[in-house]
């Protein structure tokens, strides 16, 4: 996203509207915001961003594991290759 696009978004499109960080205006950006908040050394907290995403998107966005920063779904999830080692 370039600066012009970011400036044109309303404040409600961000998890942190005052600082305009963690944009959640699309599903892809909401997933990315959750993944970034789950990482260590980020300004946002996972809990705050997750609440903002749930308010905006409901259950359309899956949760992110805090330990791995990967998108999870109900049940067992194998690695990126789809096979268990």
PDB file of N, CA and C in Angstrom:
ATOM      1  N   UNK A   1       0.850  -1.159   0.000  1.00  0.00           N
ATOM      2  CA  UNK A   1       0.000   0.000   0.000  1.00  0.00           C
ATOM      3  C   UNK A   1       0.904   1.233   0.000  1.00  0.00           C
ATOM      4  N   UNK A   2       0.620   2.158  -0.883  1.00  0.00           N
ATOM      5  CA  UNK A   2       1.442   3.361  -0.912  1.00  0.00           C
ATOM      6  C   UNK A   2       0.876   4.406   0.054  1.00  0.00           C
ATOM      7  N   UNK A   3       1.599   5.479   0.249  1.00  0.00           N
ATOM      8  CA  UNK A   3       1.233   6.488   1.241  1.00  0.00           C
ATOM      9  C   UNK A   3      -0.090   7.170   0.900  1.00  0.00           C
ATOM     10  N   UNK A   4      -0.327   7.409  -0.371  1.00  0.00           N
ATOM     11  CA  UNK A   4      -1.570   8.082  -0.769  1.00  0.00           C
ATOM     12  C   UNK A   4      -2.783   7.224  -0.422  1.00  0.00           C
ATOM     13  N   UNK A   5      -2.699   5.939  -0.681  1.00  0.00           N
ATOM     14  CA  UNK A   5      -3.796   5.029  -0.364  1.00  0.00           C
ATOM     15  C   UNK A   5      -4.013   4.966   1.133  1.00  0.00           C
ATOM     16  N   UNK A   6      -2.934   4.887   1.884  1.00  0.00           N
ATOM     17  CA  UNK A   6      -3.034   4.808   3.347  1.00  0.00           C
ATOM     18  C   UNK A   6      -3.675   6.060   3.931  1.00  0.00           C
ATOM     19  N   UNK A   7      -3.290   7.228   3.398  1.00  0.00           N
ATOM     20  CA  UNK A   7      -3.874   8.488   3.887  1.00  0.00           C
ATOM     21  C   UNK A   7      -5.352   8.601   3.547  1.00  0.00           C
ATOM     22  N   UNK A   8      -5.766   7.999   2.440  1.00  0.00           N
ATOM     23  CA  UNK A   8      -7.161   8.120   2.015  1.00  0.00           C
ATOM     24  C   UNK A   8      -8.107   7.208   2.797  1.00  0.00           C
ATOM     25  N   UNK A   9      -7.575   6.241   3.529  1.00  0.00           N
ATOM     26  CA  UNK A   9      -8.426   5.343   4.305  1.00  0.00           C
ATOM     27  C   UNK A   9      -9.008   6.078   5.515  1.00  0.00           C
ATOM     28  N   UNK A  10     -10.249   5.762   5.883  1.00  0.00           N
ATOM     29  CA  UNK A  10     -10.822   6.370   7.086  1.00  0.00           C
ATOM     30  C   UNK A  10     -10.162   5.801   8.338  1.00  0.00           C
ATOM     31  N   UNK A  11     -10.299   6.494   9.433  1.00  0.00           N
ATOM     32  CA  UNK A  11      -9.681   6.034  10.684  1.00  0.00           C
ATOM     33  C   UNK A  11     -10.253   4.693  11.132  1.00  0.00           C
ATOM     34  N   UNK A  12     -11.498   4.420  10.761  1.00  0.00           N
ATOM     35  CA  UNK A  12     -12.121   3.160  11.168  1.00  0.00           C
ATOM     36  C   UNK A  12     -11.521   1.949  10.453  1.00  0.00           C
ATOM     37  N   UNK A  13     -10.663   2.186   9.479  1.00  0.00           N
ATOM     38  CA  UNK A  13     -10.041   1.088   8.728  1.00  0.00           C
ATOM     39  C   UNK A  13      -8.753   0.603   9.378  1.00  0.00           C
ATOM     40  N   UNK A  14      -8.430   1.087  10.568  1.00  0.00           N
ATOM     41  CA  UNK A  14      -7.201   0.716  11.257  1.00  0.00           C
ATOM     42  C   UNK A  14      -7.521   0.129  12.625  1.00  0.00           C
ATOM     43  N   UNK A  15      -6.691  -0.804  13.077  1.00  0.00           N
ATOM     44  CA  UNK A  15      -6.852  -1.357  14.421  1.00  0.00           C
ATOM     45  C   UNK A  15      -6.465  -0.320  15.470  1.00  0.00           C
ATOM     46  N   UNK A  16      -5.488   0.518  15.157  1.00  0.00           N
ATOM     47  CA  UNK A  16      -5.079   1.623  16.018  1.00  0.00           C
ATOM     48  C   UNK A  16      -5.344   2.925  15.252  1.00  0.00           C
ATOM     49  N   UNK A  17      -6.537   3.512  15.398  1.00  0.00           N
ATOM     50  CA  UNK A  17      -6.884   4.674  14.575  1.00  0.00           C
ATOM     51  C   UNK A  17      -6.044   5.917  14.844  1.00  0.00           C
ATOM     52  N   UNK A  18      -5.588   6.127  16.073  1.00  0.00           N
ATOM     53  CA  UNK A  18      -4.800   7.337  16.369  1.00  0.00           C
ATOM     54  C   UNK A  18      -3.472   7.357  15.637  1.00  0.00           C
ATOM     55  N   UNK A  19      -2.805   6.223  15.626  1.00  0.00           N
ATOM     56  CA  UNK A  19      -1.503   6.149  14.956  1.00  0.00           C
ATOM     57  C   UNK A  19      -1.630   5.641  13.528  1.00  0.00           C
ATOM     58  N   UNK A  20      -2.847   5.263  13.132  1.00  0.00           N
ATOM     59  CA  UNK A  20      -3.133   4.747  11.794  1.00  0.00           C
ATOM     60  C   UNK A  20      -2.233   3.558  11.447  1.00  0.00           C
ATOM     61  N   UNK A  21      -2.132   2.638  12.390  1.00  0.00           N
ATOM     62  CA  UNK A  21      -1.321   1.442  12.153  1.00  0.00           C
ATOM     63  C   UNK A  21      -2.218   0.206  12.131  1.00  0.00           C
ATOM     64  N   UNK A  22      -1.735  -0.846  11.522  1.00  0.00           N
ATOM     65  CA  UNK A  22      -2.441  -2.102  11.330  1.00  0.00           C
ATOM     66  C   UNK A  22      -3.749  -1.898  10.564  1.00  0.00           C
ATOM     67  N   UNK A  23      -3.670  -1.624   9.262  1.00  0.00           N
ATOM     68  CA  UNK A  23      -4.900  -1.454   8.468  1.00  0.00           C
ATOM     69  C   UNK A  23      -5.675  -2.762   8.368  1.00  0.00           C
ATOM     70  N   UNK A  24      -6.997  -2.681   8.515  1.00  0.00           N
ATOM     71  CA  UNK A  24      -7.858  -3.863   8.459  1.00  0.00           C
ATOM     72  C   UNK A  24      -9.032  -3.627   7.514  1.00  0.00           C
ATOM     73  N   UNK A  25      -8.828  -2.831   6.473  1.00  0.00           N
ATOM     74  CA  UNK A  25      -9.921  -2.490   5.569  1.00  0.00           C
ATOM     75  C   UNK A  25     -10.301  -3.626   4.624  1.00  0.00           C
ATOM     76  N   UNK A  26      -9.392  -4.527   4.321  1.00  0.00           N
ATOM     77  CA  UNK A  26      -9.706  -5.700   3.502  1.00  0.00           C
ATOM     78  C   UNK A  26      -9.396  -6.957   4.294  1.00  0.00           C
ATOM     79  N   UNK A  27      -9.915  -8.086   3.834  1.00  0.00           N
ATOM     80  CA  UNK A  27      -9.664  -9.338   4.545  1.00  0.00           C
ATOM     81  C   UNK A  27      -8.184  -9.690   4.546  1.00  0.00           C
ATOM     82  N   UNK A  28      -7.521  -9.461   3.448  1.00  0.00           N
ATOM     83  CA  UNK A  28      -6.093  -9.774   3.366  1.00  0.00           C
ATOM     84  C   UNK A  28      -5.289  -8.914   4.347  1.00  0.00           C
ATOM     85  N   UNK A  29      -5.617  -7.640   4.435  1.00  0.00           N
ATOM     86  CA  UNK A  29      -4.892  -6.758   5.361  1.00  0.00           C
ATOM     87  C   UNK A  29      -5.233  -7.087   6.806  1.00  0.00           C
ATOM     88  N   UNK A  30      -6.446  -7.539   7.054  1.00  0.00           N
ATOM     89  CA  UNK A  30      -6.822  -7.946   8.408  1.00  0.00           C
ATOM     90  C   UNK A  30      -6.030  -9.179   8.825  1.00  0.00           C
ATOM     91  N   UNK A  31      -5.886 -10.151   7.910  1.00  0.00           N
ATOM     92  CA  UNK A  31      -5.066 -11.335   8.202  1.00  0.00           C
ATOM     93  C   UNK A  31      -3.618 -10.938   8.468  1.00  0.00           C
ATOM     94  N   UNK A  32      -3.117 -10.020   7.653  1.00  0.00           N
ATOM     95  CA  UNK A  32      -1.743  -9.558   7.814  1.00  0.00           C
ATOM     96  C   UNK A  32      -1.576  -8.826   9.141  1.00  0.00           C
ATOM     97  N   UNK A  33      -2.551  -8.014   9.530  1.00  0.00           N
ATOM     98  CA  UNK A  33      -2.470  -7.297  10.801  1.00  0.00           C
ATOM     99  C   UNK A  33      -2.417  -8.277  11.968  1.00  0.00           C
ATOM    100  N   UNK A  34      -3.213  -9.336  11.895  1.00  0.00           N
ATOM    101  CA  UNK A  34      -3.169 -10.354  12.948  1.00  0.00           C
ATOM    102  C   UNK A  34      -1.810 -11.045  12.990  1.00  0.00           C
ATOM    103  N   UNK A  35      -1.276 -11.367  11.836  1.00  0.00           N
ATOM    104  CA  UNK A  35       0.023 -12.042  11.786  1.00  0.00           C
ATOM    105  C   UNK A  35       1.131 -11.139  12.315  1.00  0.00           C
ATOM    106  N   UNK A  36       1.097  -9.871  11.956  1.00  0.00           N
ATOM    107  CA  UNK A  36       2.136  -8.940  12.417  1.00  0.00           C
ATOM    108  C   UNK A  36       2.025  -8.688  13.916  1.00  0.00           C
ATOM    109  N   UNK A  37       0.802  -8.592  14.424  1.00  0.00           N
ATOM    110  CA  UNK A  37       0.619  -8.367  15.857  1.00  0.00           C
ATOM    111  C   UNK A  37       1.053  -9.580  16.668  1.00  0.00           C
ATOM    112  N   UNK A  38       0.987 -10.768  16.074  1.00  0.00           N
ATOM    113  CA  UNK A  38       1.408 -11.985  16.771  1.00  0.00           C
ATOM    114  C   UNK A  38       2.925 -12.096  16.852  1.00  0.00           C
ATOM    115  N   UNK A  39       3.627 -11.370  16.010  1.00  0.00           N
ATOM    116  CA  UNK A  39       5.085 -11.418  16.024  1.00  0.00           C
ATOM    117  C   UNK A  39       5.643 -10.634  17.216  1.00  0.00           C
ATOM    118  N   UNK A  40       6.802 -11.021  17.640  1.00  0.00           N
ATOM    119  CA  UNK A  40       7.466 -10.303  18.720  1.00  0.00           C
ATOM    120  C   UNK A  40       8.006  -8.974  18.205  1.00  0.00           C
ATOM    121  N   UNK A  41       8.178  -8.030  19.085  1.00  0.00           N
ATOM    122  CA  UNK A  41       8.772  -6.726  18.795  1.00  0.00           C
ATOM    123  C   UNK A  41       7.931  -5.883  17.841  1.00  0.00           C
ATOM    124  N   UNK A  42       6.604  -5.963  17.957  1.00  0.00           N
ATOM    125  CA  UNK A  42       5.747  -5.074  17.194  1.00  0.00           C
ATOM    126  C   UNK A  42       5.068  -4.121  18.155  1.00  0.00           C
ATOM    127  N   UNK A  43       4.643  -2.990  17.666  1.00  0.00           N
ATOM    128  CA  UNK A  43       4.037  -1.977  18.523  1.00  0.00           C
ATOM    129  C   UNK A  43       2.669  -2.399  19.051  1.00  0.00           C
ATOM    130  N   UNK A  44       1.899  -3.143  18.266  1.00  0.00           N
ATOM    131  CA  UNK A  44       0.546  -3.511  18.658  1.00  0.00           C
ATOM    132  C   UNK A  44       0.496  -4.793  19.467  1.00  0.00           C
ATOM    133  N   UNK A  45      -0.573  -4.933  20.219  1.00  0.00           N
ATOM    134  CA  UNK A  45      -0.774  -6.175  20.940  1.00  0.00           C
ATOM    135  C   UNK A  45      -1.737  -7.043  20.154  1.00  0.00           C
ATOM    136  N   UNK A  46      -1.532  -8.326  20.199  1.00  0.00           N
ATOM    137  CA  UNK A  46      -2.356  -9.257  19.440  1.00  0.00           C
ATOM    138  C   UNK A  46      -3.818  -9.158  19.873  1.00  0.00           C
ATOM    139  N   UNK A  47      -4.040  -9.058  21.169  1.00  0.00           N
ATOM    140  CA  UNK A  47      -5.393  -9.029  21.696  1.00  0.00           C
ATOM    141  C   UNK A  47      -6.184  -7.826  21.173  1.00  0.00           C
ATOM    142  N   UNK A  48      -5.569  -6.667  21.138  1.00  0.00           N
ATOM    143  CA  UNK A  48      -6.230  -5.454  20.656  1.00  0.00           C
ATOM    144  C   UNK A  48      -6.555  -5.561  19.166  1.00  0.00           C
ATOM    145  N   UNK A  49      -5.603  -6.021  18.385  1.00  0.00           N
ATOM    146  CA  UNK A  49      -5.811  -6.155  16.938  1.00  0.00           C
ATOM    147  C   UNK A  49      -6.868  -7.225  16.658  1.00  0.00           C
ATOM    148  N   UNK A  50      -6.836  -8.329  17.387  1.00  0.00           N
ATOM    149  CA  UNK A  50      -7.822  -9.395  17.185  1.00  0.00           C
ATOM    150  C   UNK A  50      -9.229  -8.890  17.479  1.00  0.00           C
ATOM    151  N   UNK A  51      -9.396  -8.087  18.523  1.00  0.00           N
ATOM    152  CA  UNK A  51     -10.710  -7.528  18.830  1.00  0.00           C
ATOM    153  C   UNK A  51     -11.196  -6.604  17.716  1.00  0.00           C
ATOM    154  N   UNK A  52     -10.292  -5.788  17.204  1.00  0.00           N
ATOM    155  CA  UNK A  52     -10.661  -4.868  16.124  1.00  0.00           C
ATOM    156  C   UNK A  52     -11.057  -5.641  14.863  1.00  0.00           C
ATOM    157  N   UNK A  53     -10.327  -6.703  14.557  1.00  0.00           N
ATOM    158  CA  UNK A  53     -10.646  -7.516  13.383  1.00  0.00           C
ATOM    159  C   UNK A  53     -11.994  -8.209  13.577  1.00  0.00           C
ATOM    160  N   UNK A  54     -12.267  -8.734  14.762  1.00  0.00           N
ATOM    161  CA  UNK A  54     -13.545  -9.394  15.025  1.00  0.00           C
ATOM    162  C   UNK A  54     -14.703  -8.404  14.918  1.00  0.00           C
ATOM    163  N   UNK A  55     -14.506  -7.175  15.391  1.00  0.00           N
ATOM    164  CA  UNK A  55     -15.561  -6.159  15.282  1.00  0.00           C
ATOM    165  C   UNK A  55     -15.891  -5.878  13.823  1.00  0.00           C
ATOM    166  N   UNK A  56     -14.860  -5.780  13.002  1.00  0.00           N
ATOM    167  CA  UNK A  56     -15.068  -5.410  11.603  1.00  0.00           C
ATOM    168  C   UNK A  56     -15.479  -6.588  10.724  1.00  0.00           C
ATOM    169  N   UNK A  57     -14.848  -7.743  10.897  1.00  0.00           N
ATOM    170  CA  UNK A  57     -15.049  -8.869   9.993  1.00  0.00           C
ATOM    171  C   UNK A  57     -15.767 -10.057  10.605  1.00  0.00           C
ATOM    172  N   UNK A  58     -16.021 -10.055  11.888  1.00  0.00           N
ATOM    173  CA  UNK A  58     -16.682 -11.200  12.519  1.00  0.00           C
ATOM    174  C   UNK A  58     -15.792 -12.420  12.475  1.00  0.00           C
ATOM    175  N   UNK A  59     -16.370 -13.554  12.120  1.00  0.00           N
ATOM    176  CA  UNK A  59     -15.607 -14.801  12.063  1.00  0.00           C
ATOM    177  C   UNK A  59     -15.097 -15.108  10.659  1.00  0.00           C
ATOM    178  N   UNK A  60     -15.122 -14.143   9.767  1.00  0.00           N
ATOM    179  CA  UNK A  60     -14.642 -14.364   8.401  1.00  0.00           C
ATOM    180  C   UNK A  60     -13.128 -14.517   8.355  1.00  0.00           C
ATOM    181  N   UNK A  61     -12.431 -14.004   9.361  1.00  0.00           N
ATOM    182  CA  UNK A  61     -10.973 -14.082   9.426  1.00  0.00           C
ATOM    183  C   UNK A  61     -10.597 -15.094  10.502  1.00  0.00           C
ATOM    184  N   UNK A  62      -9.771 -16.052  10.150  1.00  0.00           N
ATOM    185  CA  UNK A  62      -9.321 -17.052  11.118  1.00  0.00           C
ATOM    186  C   UNK A  62      -8.314 -16.435  12.070  1.00  0.00           C
ATOM    187  N   UNK A  63      -8.140 -17.044  13.215  1.00  0.00           N
ATOM    188  CA  UNK A  63      -7.196 -16.530  14.197  1.00  0.00           C
ATOM    189  C   UNK A  63      -5.769 -16.890  13.811  1.00  0.00           C
ATOM    190  N   UNK A  64      -4.830 -16.284  14.493  1.00  0.00           N
ATOM    191  CA  UNK A  64      -3.414 -16.512  14.232  1.00  0.00           C
ATOM    192  C   UNK A  64      -2.778 -17.027  15.502  1.00  0.00           C
ATOM    193  N   UNK A  65      -1.933 -18.008  15.364  1.00  0.00           N
ATOM    194  CA  UNK A  65      -1.226 -18.561  16.506  1.00  0.00           C
ATOM    195  C   UNK A  65      -0.166 -17.581  16.972  1.00  0.00           C
ATOM    196  N   UNK A  66      -0.159 -17.269  18.254  1.00  0.00           N
ATOM    197  CA  UNK A  66       0.826 -16.337  18.792  1.00  0.00           C
ATOM    198  C   UNK A  66       2.246 -16.892  18.711  1.00  0.00           C
ATOM    199  N   UNK A  67       2.380 -18.208  18.838  1.00  0.00           N
ATOM    200  CA  UNK A  67       3.720 -18.775  18.887  1.00  0.00           C
ATOM    201  C   UNK A  67       4.362 -18.894  17.519  1.00  0.00           C
ATOM    202  N   UNK A  68       3.573 -19.120  16.486  1.00  0.00           N
ATOM    203  CA  UNK A  68       4.152 -19.350  15.175  1.00  0.00           C
ATOM    204  C   UNK A  68       3.867 -18.250  14.170  1.00  0.00           C
ATOM    205  N   UNK A  69       2.839 -17.434  14.408  1.00  0.00           N
ATOM    206  CA  UNK A  69       2.503 -16.384  13.463  1.00  0.00           C
ATOM    207  C   UNK A  69       1.905 -16.906  12.172  1.00  0.00           C
ATOM    208  N   UNK A  70       1.289 -18.099  12.239  1.00  0.00           N
ATOM    209  CA  UNK A  70       0.676 -18.675  11.048  1.00  0.00           C
ATOM    210  C   UNK A  70      -0.834 -18.683  11.202  1.00  0.00           C
ATOM    211  N   UNK A  71      -1.533 -18.705  10.107  1.00  0.00           N
ATOM    212  CA  UNK A  71      -2.988 -18.745  10.145  1.00  0.00           C
ATOM    213  C   UNK A  71      -3.417 -20.143  10.534  1.00  0.00           C
ATOM    214  N   UNK A  72      -4.346 -20.240  11.470  1.00  0.00           N
ATOM    215  CA  UNK A  72      -4.807 -21.542  11.939  1.00  0.00           C
ATOM    216  C   UNK A  72      -6.277 -21.708  11.630  1.00  0.00           C
ATOM    217  N   UNK A  73      -6.718 -22.943  11.677  1.00  0.00           N
ATOM    218  CA  UNK A  73      -8.121 -23.257  11.491  1.00  0.00           C
ATOM    219  C   UNK A  73      -8.456 -24.374  12.464  1.00  0.00           C
ATOM    220  N   UNK A  74      -9.716 -24.670  12.678  1.00  0.00           N
ATOM    221  CA  UNK A  74     -10.057 -25.757  13.595  1.00  0.00           C
ATOM    222  C   UNK A  74      -9.458 -27.082  13.129  1.00  0.00           C
ATOM    223  N   UNK A  75      -9.042 -27.877  14.060  1.00  0.00           N
ATOM    224  CA  UNK A  75      -8.470 -29.175  13.729  1.00  0.00           C
ATOM    225  C   UNK A  75      -6.954 -29.105  13.587  1.00  0.00           C
ATOM    226  N   UNK A  76      -6.373 -30.204  13.166  1.00  0.00           N
ATOM    227  CA  UNK A  76      -4.931 -30.310  13.041  1.00  0.00           C
ATOM    228  C   UNK A  76      -4.455 -29.672  11.747  1.00  0.00           C
ATOM    229  N   UNK A  77      -3.467 -28.838  11.835  1.00  0.00           N
ATOM    230  CA  UNK A  77      -2.908 -28.214  10.632  1.00  0.00           C
ATOM    231  C   UNK A  77      -1.484 -28.704  10.459  1.00  0.00           C
ATOM    232  N   UNK A  78      -1.191 -29.205   9.282  1.00  0.00           N
ATOM    233  CA  UNK A  78       0.152 -29.659   8.985  1.00  0.00           C
ATOM    234  C   UNK A  78       0.989 -28.499   8.485  1.00  0.00           C
ATOM    235  N   UNK A  79       2.236 -28.736   8.206  1.00  0.00           N
ATOM    236  CA  UNK A  79       3.143 -27.689   7.735  1.00  0.00           C
ATOM    237  C   UNK A  79       2.760 -27.130   6.382  1.00  0.00           C
ATOM    238  N   UNK A  80       3.585 -26.259   5.872  1.00  0.00           N
ATOM    239  CA  UNK A  80       3.297 -25.580   4.604  1.00  0.00           C
ATOM    240  C   UNK A  80       3.194 -26.568   3.441  1.00  0.00           C
ATOM    241  N   UNK A  81       3.875 -27.676   3.534  1.00  0.00           N
ATOM    242  CA  UNK A  81       3.853 -28.654   2.443  1.00  0.00           C
ATOM    243  C   UNK A  81       2.676 -29.603   2.534  1.00  0.00           C
ATOM    244  N   UNK A  82       1.932 -29.533   3.661  1.00  0.00           N
ATOM    245  CA  UNK A  82       0.756 -30.374   3.788  1.00  0.00           C
ATOM    246  C   UNK A  82       1.030 -31.773   4.295  1.00  0.00           C
ATOM    247  N   UNK A  83       2.271 -32.078   4.612  1.00  0.00           N
ATOM    248  CA  UNK A  83       2.605 -33.401   5.114  1.00  0.00           C
ATOM    249  C   UNK A  83       3.185 -33.290   6.506  1.00  0.00           C
ATOM    250  N   UNK A  84       2.910 -34.278   7.279  1.00  0.00           N
ATOM    251  CA  UNK A  84       3.432 -34.323   8.629  1.00  0.00           C
ATOM    252  C   UNK A  84       4.757 -35.053   8.619  1.00  0.00           C
ATOM    253  N   UNK A  85       5.711 -34.520   9.314  1.00  0.00           N
ATOM    254  CA  UNK A  85       7.045 -35.151   9.333  1.00  0.00           C
ATOM    255  C   UNK A  85       7.313 -35.778  10.644  1.00  0.00           C
TER     256      UNK A  85
END
